[in-house]
Amino acid sequence: MQYISHYDSPIGNILLAADQAGLTGLWFDGQKYYAHHLDPKHEEKELPVFEDVKHWLTIYFSGKEPDFMPPLHMIGSPFQIAVWEILRNIPYGKTMTYGEIAKIVAEKQGLPHMSPQAVGGAVGHNKISILIPCHRVVGTDGSLTGYAGGIDKKAKLLNLEKADMKNYLCREST
């Protein structure tokens, strides 16, 4: 059974989803893949994990890096989960390119190379935005592209983290 709750962030309303294992989803209202894979029989209920996530988000949106991580329950293919684990290790205020992530995945899987586009697909289907920081992934050319919540939110999140934005181009993906 999945449960939902809501959080009103400074950059938009957020839907939270969780099961007994941890947070399963965090989506901005209206984003691409909104509530994707949310159990149709979900129930609105305040759980301890939601309290932890809301506390984490409050610290985060105050411009500070939270020093704890609420329990997460990543639901996806082994490839997606491997990519999302790499995202979790991108430091606060830093970025990586899709190509850099592809190289890490290829090395871990013993492959000669990995497609940055395949990585982009996994990044784009991340169901737990912000806590699994897909907003920290940028194009090789410095473009802020591919964020399901919208490029404007991606830029705001990176600015909040005081990431060096001078070399980034805002470009919506097609």
N, C-alpha and C. Protein backbone atom coordinates (compact mmCIF):
# COMPACT_ATOMS: atom_id res chain seq x y z
N MET A 1 0.84 -1.18 0.00
CA MET A 1 0.00 0.00 0.00
C MET A 1 0.89 1.24 0.00
N GLN A 2 0.53 2.19 -0.84
CA GLN A 2 1.25 3.47 -0.86
C GLN A 2 0.39 4.55 -0.21
N TYR A 3 1.08 5.52 0.36
CA TYR A 3 0.44 6.64 1.03
C TYR A 3 0.98 7.92 0.40
N ILE A 4 0.21 8.98 0.49
CA ILE A 4 0.65 10.26 -0.07
C ILE A 4 0.52 11.37 0.97
N SER A 5 1.26 12.42 0.72
CA SER A 5 1.19 13.64 1.50
C SER A 5 1.64 14.77 0.57
N HIS A 6 1.53 15.99 1.04
CA HIS A 6 1.86 17.16 0.22
C HIS A 6 2.80 18.07 0.98
N TYR A 7 3.62 18.77 0.20
CA TYR A 7 4.55 19.76 0.76
C TYR A 7 4.51 20.99 -0.12
N ASP A 8 4.35 22.14 0.48
CA ASP A 8 4.31 23.40 -0.26
C ASP A 8 5.71 24.01 -0.23
N SER A 9 6.46 23.83 -1.31
CA SER A 9 7.83 24.35 -1.36
C SER A 9 7.83 25.77 -1.93
N PRO A 10 8.93 26.50 -1.76
CA PRO A 10 9.02 27.85 -2.32
C PRO A 10 8.99 27.89 -3.85
N ILE A 11 9.20 26.74 -4.50
CA ILE A 11 9.19 26.74 -5.97
C ILE A 11 8.06 25.89 -6.55
N GLY A 12 7.11 25.50 -5.72
CA GLY A 12 5.96 24.77 -6.22
C GLY A 12 5.50 23.68 -5.27
N ASN A 13 4.25 23.29 -5.44
CA ASN A 13 3.69 22.22 -4.61
C ASN A 13 4.32 20.88 -4.98
N ILE A 14 4.50 20.04 -3.97
CA ILE A 14 5.14 18.75 -4.15
C ILE A 14 4.22 17.66 -3.61
N LEU A 15 4.12 16.57 -4.38
CA LEU A 15 3.42 15.38 -3.94
C LEU A 15 4.46 14.37 -3.46
N LEU A 16 4.24 13.84 -2.28
CA LEU A 16 5.12 12.82 -1.70
C LEU A 16 4.37 11.49 -1.70
N ALA A 17 5.07 10.40 -1.97
CA ALA A 17 4.50 9.05 -1.89
C ALA A 17 5.46 8.17 -1.11
N ALA A 18 4.90 7.24 -0.35
CA ALA A 18 5.73 6.34 0.43
C ALA A 18 4.99 5.02 0.65
N ASP A 19 5.78 4.01 0.96
CA ASP A 19 5.23 2.75 1.43
C ASP A 19 5.90 2.46 2.78
N GLN A 20 5.73 1.26 3.28
CA GLN A 20 6.30 0.94 4.59
C GLN A 20 7.83 0.95 4.60
N ALA A 21 8.46 0.82 3.42
CA ALA A 21 9.93 0.79 3.35
C ALA A 21 10.56 2.18 3.28
N GLY A 22 9.83 3.16 2.76
CA GLY A 22 10.40 4.51 2.65
C GLY A 22 9.72 5.33 1.56
N LEU A 23 10.31 6.47 1.28
CA LEU A 23 9.78 7.38 0.26
C LEU A 23 9.91 6.73 -1.11
N THR A 24 8.80 6.70 -1.86
CA THR A 24 8.80 6.10 -3.20
C THR A 24 8.66 7.15 -4.30
N GLY A 25 8.24 8.36 -3.95
CA GLY A 25 8.05 9.38 -4.96
C GLY A 25 8.05 10.78 -4.40
N LEU A 26 8.57 11.72 -5.18
CA LEU A 26 8.52 13.14 -4.86
C LEU A 26 8.46 13.87 -6.19
N TRP A 27 7.29 14.46 -6.47
CA TRP A 27 7.06 15.11 -7.75
C TRP A 27 6.52 16.52 -7.56
N PHE A 28 6.99 17.45 -8.38
CA PHE A 28 6.39 18.77 -8.45
C PHE A 28 5.05 18.65 -9.18
N ASP A 29 4.04 19.37 -8.73
CA ASP A 29 2.75 19.37 -9.42
C ASP A 29 2.96 19.68 -10.89
N GLY A 30 2.38 18.86 -11.75
CA GLY A 30 2.40 19.09 -13.18
C GLY A 30 3.66 18.66 -13.90
N GLN A 31 4.63 18.09 -13.21
CA GLN A 31 5.86 17.71 -13.89
C GLN A 31 5.64 16.49 -14.78
N LYS A 32 6.58 16.28 -15.69
CA LYS A 32 6.55 15.11 -16.55
C LYS A 32 6.63 13.86 -15.66
N TYR A 33 5.89 12.84 -16.00
CA TYR A 33 5.81 11.59 -15.24
C TYR A 33 5.25 11.80 -13.83
N TYR A 34 4.42 12.81 -13.65
CA TYR A 34 3.83 13.11 -12.35
C TYR A 34 3.10 11.88 -11.80
N ALA A 35 3.45 11.50 -10.59
CA ALA A 35 2.84 10.37 -9.88
C ALA A 35 2.93 9.07 -10.68
N HIS A 36 3.94 8.96 -11.53
CA HIS A 36 4.14 7.76 -12.33
C HIS A 36 4.37 6.57 -11.41
N HIS A 37 3.66 5.51 -11.60
CA HIS A 37 3.72 4.28 -10.82
C HIS A 37 3.15 4.43 -9.41
N LEU A 38 2.38 5.48 -9.16
CA LEU A 38 1.70 5.60 -7.87
C LEU A 38 0.55 4.60 -7.86
N ASP A 39 0.46 3.82 -6.82
CA ASP A 39 -0.60 2.83 -6.68
C ASP A 39 -1.96 3.53 -6.74
N PRO A 40 -2.84 3.10 -7.66
CA PRO A 40 -4.16 3.75 -7.76
C PRO A 40 -4.97 3.67 -6.46
N LYS A 41 -4.63 2.71 -5.60
CA LYS A 41 -5.35 2.54 -4.33
C LYS A 41 -4.63 3.23 -3.18
N HIS A 42 -3.83 4.25 -3.48
CA HIS A 42 -3.09 4.95 -2.43
C HIS A 42 -4.06 5.67 -1.47
N GLU A 43 -3.51 6.03 -0.33
CA GLU A 43 -4.30 6.69 0.70
C GLU A 43 -3.52 7.89 1.23
N GLU A 44 -4.22 8.98 1.48
CA GLU A 44 -3.56 10.15 2.08
C GLU A 44 -3.47 9.91 3.58
N LYS A 45 -2.24 9.89 4.08
CA LYS A 45 -2.01 9.59 5.50
C LYS A 45 -0.64 10.12 5.89
N GLU A 46 -0.54 10.74 7.01
CA GLU A 46 0.76 11.22 7.49
C GLU A 46 1.51 10.07 8.15
N LEU A 47 2.67 9.79 7.61
CA LEU A 47 3.55 8.74 8.12
C LEU A 47 4.81 9.39 8.69
N PRO A 48 5.52 8.69 9.58
CA PRO A 48 6.80 9.24 10.08
C PRO A 48 7.78 9.59 8.95
N VAL A 49 7.81 8.81 7.87
CA VAL A 49 8.73 9.12 6.77
C VAL A 49 8.38 10.47 6.15
N PHE A 50 7.11 10.82 6.07
CA PHE A 50 6.73 12.12 5.52
C PHE A 50 7.21 13.25 6.43
N GLU A 51 7.12 13.03 7.73
CA GLU A 51 7.63 14.03 8.67
C GLU A 51 9.13 14.25 8.45
N ASP A 52 9.88 13.15 8.27
CA ASP A 52 11.32 13.24 8.01
C ASP A 52 11.61 13.96 6.69
N VAL A 53 10.86 13.60 5.64
CA VAL A 53 11.07 14.21 4.33
C VAL A 53 10.75 15.70 4.37
N LYS A 54 9.66 16.07 5.02
CA LYS A 54 9.29 17.49 5.10
C LYS A 54 10.33 18.28 5.90
N HIS A 55 10.87 17.68 6.94
CA HIS A 55 11.93 18.33 7.71
C HIS A 55 13.17 18.50 6.82
N TRP A 56 13.53 17.46 6.07
CA TRP A 56 14.67 17.52 5.15
C TRP A 56 14.46 18.64 4.13
N LEU A 57 13.25 18.68 3.52
CA LEU A 57 12.96 19.70 2.52
C LEU A 57 12.99 21.11 3.10
N THR A 58 12.51 21.29 4.31
CA THR A 58 12.54 22.60 4.96
C THR A 58 13.98 23.08 5.14
N ILE A 59 14.85 22.19 5.58
CA ILE A 59 16.27 22.54 5.71
C ILE A 59 16.84 22.87 4.33
N TYR A 60 16.57 22.01 3.36
CA TYR A 60 17.09 22.19 2.00
C TYR A 60 16.65 23.53 1.41
N PHE A 61 15.37 23.84 1.49
CA PHE A 61 14.87 25.08 0.90
C PHE A 61 15.28 26.32 1.70
N SER A 62 15.87 26.13 2.88
CA SER A 62 16.43 27.27 3.62
C SER A 62 17.82 27.60 3.11
N GLY A 63 18.32 26.80 2.14
CA GLY A 63 19.64 27.04 1.56
C GLY A 63 20.76 26.30 2.24
N LYS A 64 20.40 25.31 3.06
CA LYS A 64 21.41 24.51 3.75
C LYS A 64 21.35 23.07 3.28
N GLU A 65 22.46 22.37 3.40
CA GLU A 65 22.50 20.96 3.05
C GLU A 65 22.07 20.13 4.26
N PRO A 66 20.99 19.36 4.14
CA PRO A 66 20.57 18.51 5.27
C PRO A 66 21.66 17.50 5.61
N ASP A 67 21.79 17.18 6.89
CA ASP A 67 22.84 16.25 7.33
C ASP A 67 22.30 14.85 7.60
N PHE A 68 21.13 14.54 7.04
CA PHE A 68 20.54 13.22 7.19
C PHE A 68 19.75 12.91 5.92
N MET A 69 19.43 11.64 5.73
CA MET A 69 18.64 11.24 4.58
C MET A 69 17.48 10.38 5.07
N PRO A 70 16.26 10.79 4.76
CA PRO A 70 15.11 9.94 5.12
C PRO A 70 15.20 8.60 4.39
N PRO A 71 14.50 7.59 4.87
CA PRO A 71 14.52 6.30 4.17
C PRO A 71 13.88 6.41 2.78
N LEU A 72 14.59 5.90 1.79
CA LEU A 72 14.12 5.92 0.41
C LEU A 72 13.85 4.49 -0.04
N HIS A 73 12.84 4.33 -0.87
CA HIS A 73 12.54 3.02 -1.47
C HIS A 73 12.51 3.24 -2.98
N MET A 74 13.66 3.04 -3.60
CA MET A 74 13.78 3.25 -5.05
C MET A 74 13.19 2.05 -5.78
N ILE A 75 12.20 2.32 -6.61
CA ILE A 75 11.54 1.26 -7.37
C ILE A 75 11.84 1.49 -8.85
N GLY A 76 12.56 0.57 -9.45
CA GLY A 76 12.93 0.69 -10.85
C GLY A 76 13.73 -0.52 -11.28
N SER A 77 14.19 -0.48 -12.51
CA SER A 77 15.01 -1.58 -13.03
C SER A 77 16.39 -1.53 -12.36
N PRO A 78 17.14 -2.64 -12.42
CA PRO A 78 18.50 -2.61 -11.85
C PRO A 78 19.35 -1.49 -12.47
N PHE A 79 19.19 -1.24 -13.78
CA PHE A 79 19.95 -0.17 -14.44
C PHE A 79 19.55 1.19 -13.86
N GLN A 80 18.24 1.45 -13.74
CA GLN A 80 17.79 2.72 -13.20
C GLN A 80 18.32 2.92 -11.78
N ILE A 81 18.21 1.90 -10.96
CA ILE A 81 18.67 2.02 -9.57
C ILE A 81 20.17 2.28 -9.53
N ALA A 82 20.93 1.66 -10.42
CA ALA A 82 22.38 1.91 -10.47
C ALA A 82 22.66 3.38 -10.79
N VAL A 83 21.91 3.93 -11.74
CA VAL A 83 22.08 5.35 -12.09
C VAL A 83 21.66 6.22 -10.92
N TRP A 84 20.54 5.92 -10.30
CA TRP A 84 20.06 6.75 -9.18
C TRP A 84 21.02 6.72 -8.00
N GLU A 85 21.68 5.59 -7.78
CA GLU A 85 22.69 5.53 -6.71
C GLU A 85 23.84 6.49 -7.01
N ILE A 86 24.23 6.60 -8.27
CA ILE A 86 25.28 7.55 -8.64
C ILE A 86 24.79 8.97 -8.39
N LEU A 87 23.53 9.26 -8.75
CA LEU A 87 22.98 10.59 -8.51
C LEU A 87 23.05 10.95 -7.02
N ARG A 88 22.77 9.98 -6.18
CA ARG A 88 22.78 10.22 -4.73
C ARG A 88 24.16 10.64 -4.23
N ASN A 89 25.20 10.31 -5.00
CA ASN A 89 26.56 10.63 -4.59
C ASN A 89 27.11 11.92 -5.20
N ILE A 90 26.29 12.62 -5.99
CA ILE A 90 26.73 13.91 -6.52
C ILE A 90 26.67 14.91 -5.37
N PRO A 91 27.77 15.53 -5.02
CA PRO A 91 27.77 16.44 -3.86
C PRO A 91 26.83 17.64 -4.05
N TYR A 92 26.31 18.10 -2.95
CA TYR A 92 25.48 19.31 -2.87
C TYR A 92 26.22 20.45 -3.55
N GLY A 93 25.55 21.15 -4.47
CA GLY A 93 26.14 22.30 -5.14
C GLY A 93 27.05 21.96 -6.30
N LYS A 94 27.19 20.68 -6.62
CA LYS A 94 28.05 20.24 -7.73
C LYS A 94 27.17 19.61 -8.81
N THR A 95 27.75 19.41 -9.98
CA THR A 95 27.03 18.78 -11.09
C THR A 95 27.90 17.71 -11.74
N MET A 96 27.24 16.84 -12.49
CA MET A 96 27.90 15.84 -13.33
C MET A 96 27.19 15.85 -14.67
N THR A 97 27.88 15.38 -15.69
CA THR A 97 27.24 15.26 -17.00
C THR A 97 26.69 13.84 -17.16
N TYR A 98 25.78 13.71 -18.12
CA TYR A 98 25.24 12.39 -18.45
C TYR A 98 26.38 11.47 -18.88
N GLY A 99 27.34 12.01 -19.63
CA GLY A 99 28.48 11.23 -20.08
C GLY A 99 29.34 10.73 -18.93
N GLU A 100 29.56 11.57 -17.93
CA GLU A 100 30.35 11.14 -16.76
C GLU A 100 29.66 10.00 -16.03
N ILE A 101 28.35 10.12 -15.90
CA ILE A 101 27.60 9.06 -15.23
C ILE A 101 27.65 7.79 -16.07
N ALA A 102 27.53 7.91 -17.38
CA ALA A 102 27.60 6.74 -18.27
C ALA A 102 28.93 6.01 -18.10
N LYS A 103 30.02 6.75 -17.97
CA LYS A 103 31.34 6.12 -17.79
C LYS A 103 31.39 5.34 -16.47
N ILE A 104 30.82 5.90 -15.41
CA ILE A 104 30.81 5.22 -14.11
C ILE A 104 29.99 3.93 -14.19
N VAL A 105 28.80 4.03 -14.81
CA VAL A 105 27.95 2.84 -14.95
C VAL A 105 28.67 1.77 -15.76
N ALA A 106 29.30 2.17 -16.87
CA ALA A 106 30.01 1.21 -17.72
C ALA A 106 31.12 0.51 -16.93
N GLU A 107 31.88 1.28 -16.16
CA GLU A 107 32.96 0.70 -15.35
C GLU A 107 32.41 -0.30 -14.35
N LYS A 108 31.32 0.08 -13.65
CA LYS A 108 30.74 -0.80 -12.63
C LYS A 108 30.17 -2.07 -13.23
N GLN A 109 29.71 -2.00 -14.48
CA GLN A 109 29.11 -3.16 -15.12
C GLN A 109 30.11 -3.90 -16.01
N GLY A 110 31.36 -3.44 -16.03
CA GLY A 110 32.39 -4.09 -16.82
C GLY A 110 32.17 -3.98 -18.32
N LEU A 111 31.58 -2.87 -18.74
CA LEU A 111 31.30 -2.64 -20.15
C LEU A 111 32.31 -1.64 -20.73
N PRO A 112 32.60 -1.74 -22.04
CA PRO A 112 33.53 -0.79 -22.63
C PRO A 112 32.97 0.63 -22.71
N HIS A 113 31.67 0.76 -22.83
CA HIS A 113 31.04 2.08 -22.85
C HIS A 113 29.55 1.95 -22.52
N MET A 114 28.94 3.07 -22.24
CA MET A 114 27.52 3.14 -21.93
C MET A 114 26.98 4.39 -22.60
N SER A 115 25.80 4.32 -23.10
CA SER A 115 25.17 5.45 -23.78
C SER A 115 24.72 6.53 -22.79
N PRO A 116 25.18 7.77 -22.98
CA PRO A 116 24.66 8.86 -22.16
C PRO A 116 23.14 9.03 -22.31
N GLN A 117 22.61 8.67 -23.48
CA GLN A 117 21.17 8.76 -23.69
C GLN A 117 20.42 7.75 -22.81
N ALA A 118 20.99 6.56 -22.64
CA ALA A 118 20.38 5.56 -21.75
C ALA A 118 20.39 6.08 -20.31
N VAL A 119 21.49 6.70 -19.92
CA VAL A 119 21.57 7.31 -18.60
C VAL A 119 20.53 8.41 -18.47
N GLY A 120 20.38 9.22 -19.53
CA GLY A 120 19.38 10.28 -19.52
C GLY A 120 17.98 9.75 -19.31
N GLY A 121 17.67 8.60 -19.90
CA GLY A 121 16.37 7.98 -19.71
C GLY A 121 16.15 7.58 -18.26
N ALA A 122 17.17 7.01 -17.64
CA ALA A 122 17.07 6.61 -16.23
C ALA A 122 16.95 7.84 -15.33
N VAL A 123 17.75 8.87 -15.62
CA VAL A 123 17.69 10.10 -14.83
C VAL A 123 16.30 10.72 -14.94
N GLY A 124 15.76 10.76 -16.15
CA GLY A 124 14.45 11.36 -16.38
C GLY A 124 13.31 10.63 -15.70
N HIS A 125 13.50 9.34 -15.41
CA HIS A 125 12.45 8.55 -14.76
C HIS A 125 12.68 8.40 -13.25
N ASN A 126 13.58 9.22 -12.71
CA ASN A 126 13.78 9.24 -11.26
C ASN A 126 12.48 9.71 -10.60
N LYS A 127 11.95 8.89 -9.73
CA LYS A 127 10.67 9.21 -9.09
C LYS A 127 10.83 10.02 -7.79
N ILE A 128 12.07 10.17 -7.32
CA ILE A 128 12.28 10.85 -6.04
C ILE A 128 13.15 12.08 -6.28
N SER A 129 12.55 13.10 -6.88
CA SER A 129 13.28 14.33 -7.18
C SER A 129 13.86 14.95 -5.90
N ILE A 130 14.84 15.76 -6.09
CA ILE A 130 15.55 16.54 -5.07
C ILE A 130 16.37 15.64 -4.15
N LEU A 131 15.75 14.68 -3.44
CA LEU A 131 16.52 13.81 -2.55
C LEU A 131 17.45 12.90 -3.35
N ILE A 132 17.01 12.45 -4.51
CA ILE A 132 17.88 11.81 -5.48
C ILE A 132 18.08 12.90 -6.53
N PRO A 133 19.19 13.63 -6.42
CA PRO A 133 19.33 14.93 -7.09
C PRO A 133 19.58 14.89 -8.60
N CYS A 134 18.55 14.54 -9.35
CA CYS A 134 18.68 14.53 -10.81
C CYS A 134 18.86 15.95 -11.36
N HIS A 135 18.53 16.96 -10.58
CA HIS A 135 18.73 18.35 -11.02
C HIS A 135 20.23 18.68 -11.13
N ARG A 136 21.08 17.86 -10.57
CA ARG A 136 22.53 18.09 -10.62
C ARG A 136 23.18 17.50 -11.86
N VAL A 137 22.38 16.97 -12.78
CA VAL A 137 22.92 16.38 -14.01
C VAL A 137 22.72 17.37 -15.14
N VAL A 138 23.80 17.64 -15.86
CA VAL A 138 23.77 18.62 -16.96
C VAL A 138 24.31 17.99 -18.23
N GLY A 139 24.02 18.64 -19.35
CA GLY A 139 24.54 18.18 -20.63
C GLY A 139 26.03 18.45 -20.74
N THR A 140 26.70 17.70 -21.58
CA THR A 140 28.14 17.86 -21.80
C THR A 140 28.48 19.28 -22.25
N ASP A 141 27.55 19.89 -23.00
CA ASP A 141 27.78 21.25 -23.48
C ASP A 141 27.42 22.32 -22.45
N GLY A 142 27.09 21.89 -21.23
CA GLY A 142 26.74 22.85 -20.19
C GLY A 142 25.28 23.21 -20.16
N SER A 143 24.46 22.51 -20.93
CA SER A 143 23.04 22.85 -20.97
C SER A 143 22.31 22.27 -19.76
N LEU A 144 21.39 23.07 -19.25
CA LEU A 144 20.48 22.60 -18.20
C LEU A 144 19.30 21.99 -18.92
N THR A 145 19.40 20.74 -19.20
CA THR A 145 18.38 20.08 -20.01
C THR A 145 17.89 18.84 -19.30
N GLY A 146 16.69 18.44 -19.63
CA GLY A 146 16.21 17.13 -19.22
C GLY A 146 15.62 17.02 -17.83
N TYR A 147 15.19 18.09 -17.20
CA TYR A 147 14.62 17.97 -15.86
C TYR A 147 13.10 17.88 -15.95
N ALA A 148 12.54 16.78 -15.44
CA ALA A 148 11.10 16.53 -15.54
C ALA A 148 10.27 17.63 -14.86
N GLY A 149 10.83 18.26 -13.84
CA GLY A 149 10.12 19.33 -13.14
C GLY A 149 10.16 20.66 -13.87
N GLY A 150 10.96 20.74 -14.93
CA GLY A 150 11.09 21.98 -15.70
C GLY A 150 12.45 22.60 -15.48
N ILE A 151 12.98 23.18 -16.54
CA ILE A 151 14.32 23.79 -16.48
C ILE A 151 14.36 24.94 -15.48
N ASP A 152 13.26 25.68 -15.35
CA ASP A 152 13.24 26.78 -14.39
C ASP A 152 13.45 26.27 -12.96
N LYS A 153 12.84 25.15 -12.63
CA LYS A 153 13.02 24.59 -11.28
C LYS A 153 14.43 24.04 -11.11
N LYS A 154 14.96 23.42 -12.16
CA LYS A 154 16.33 22.90 -12.10
C LYS A 154 17.30 24.05 -11.80
N ALA A 155 17.15 25.16 -12.51
CA ALA A 155 18.02 26.32 -12.29
C ALA A 155 17.84 26.86 -10.88
N LYS A 156 16.62 26.92 -10.39
CA LYS A 156 16.37 27.42 -9.02
C LYS A 156 17.01 26.51 -7.98
N LEU A 157 16.92 25.19 -8.18
CA LEU A 157 17.53 24.26 -7.23
C LEU A 157 19.05 24.40 -7.23
N LEU A 158 19.65 24.51 -8.41
CA LEU A 158 21.10 24.68 -8.48
C LEU A 158 21.53 26.02 -7.89
N ASN A 159 20.75 27.06 -8.13
CA ASN A 159 21.06 28.36 -7.52
C ASN A 159 20.94 28.29 -6.00
N LEU A 160 19.93 27.60 -5.51
CA LEU A 160 19.74 27.43 -4.07
C LEU A 160 20.97 26.77 -3.44
N GLU A 161 21.54 25.81 -4.17
CA GLU A 161 22.73 25.10 -3.70
C GLU A 161 24.03 25.88 -3.95
N LYS A 162 23.88 27.07 -4.55
CA LYS A 162 25.02 27.93 -4.87
C LYS A 162 26.00 27.24 -5.83
N ALA A 163 25.43 26.45 -6.75
CA ALA A 163 26.26 25.84 -7.80
C ALA A 163 26.76 26.94 -8.72
N ASP A 164 27.94 26.75 -9.27
CA ASP A 164 28.51 27.72 -10.21
C ASP A 164 27.72 27.62 -11.52
N MET A 165 26.89 28.63 -11.79
CA MET A 165 25.97 28.59 -12.93
C MET A 165 26.47 29.37 -14.15
N LYS A 166 27.63 29.95 -14.09
CA LYS A 166 28.04 30.86 -15.16
C LYS A 166 28.24 30.17 -16.51
N ASN A 167 28.50 28.87 -16.52
CA ASN A 167 28.73 28.17 -17.78
C ASN A 167 27.54 27.35 -18.27
N TYR A 168 26.38 27.52 -17.61
CA TYR A 168 25.22 26.72 -17.97
C TYR A 168 24.29 27.46 -18.91
N LEU A 169 23.75 26.72 -19.86
CA LEU A 169 22.77 27.23 -20.82
C LEU A 169 21.42 26.63 -20.48
N CYS A 170 20.38 27.44 -20.40
CA CYS A 170 19.04 26.92 -20.15
C CYS A 170 18.42 26.54 -21.48
N ARG A 171 18.11 25.25 -21.62
CA ARG A 171 17.55 24.74 -22.86
C ARG A 171 16.56 23.64 -22.52
N GLU A 172 15.32 23.80 -22.96
CA GLU A 172 14.31 22.76 -22.76
C GLU A 172 14.65 21.59 -23.66
N SER A 173 14.45 20.37 -23.16
CA SER A 173 14.68 19.19 -23.98
C SER A 173 13.46 18.96 -24.86
N THR A 174 13.68 18.29 -25.97
CA THR A 174 12.58 18.04 -26.90
C THR A 174 12.11 16.62 -26.80
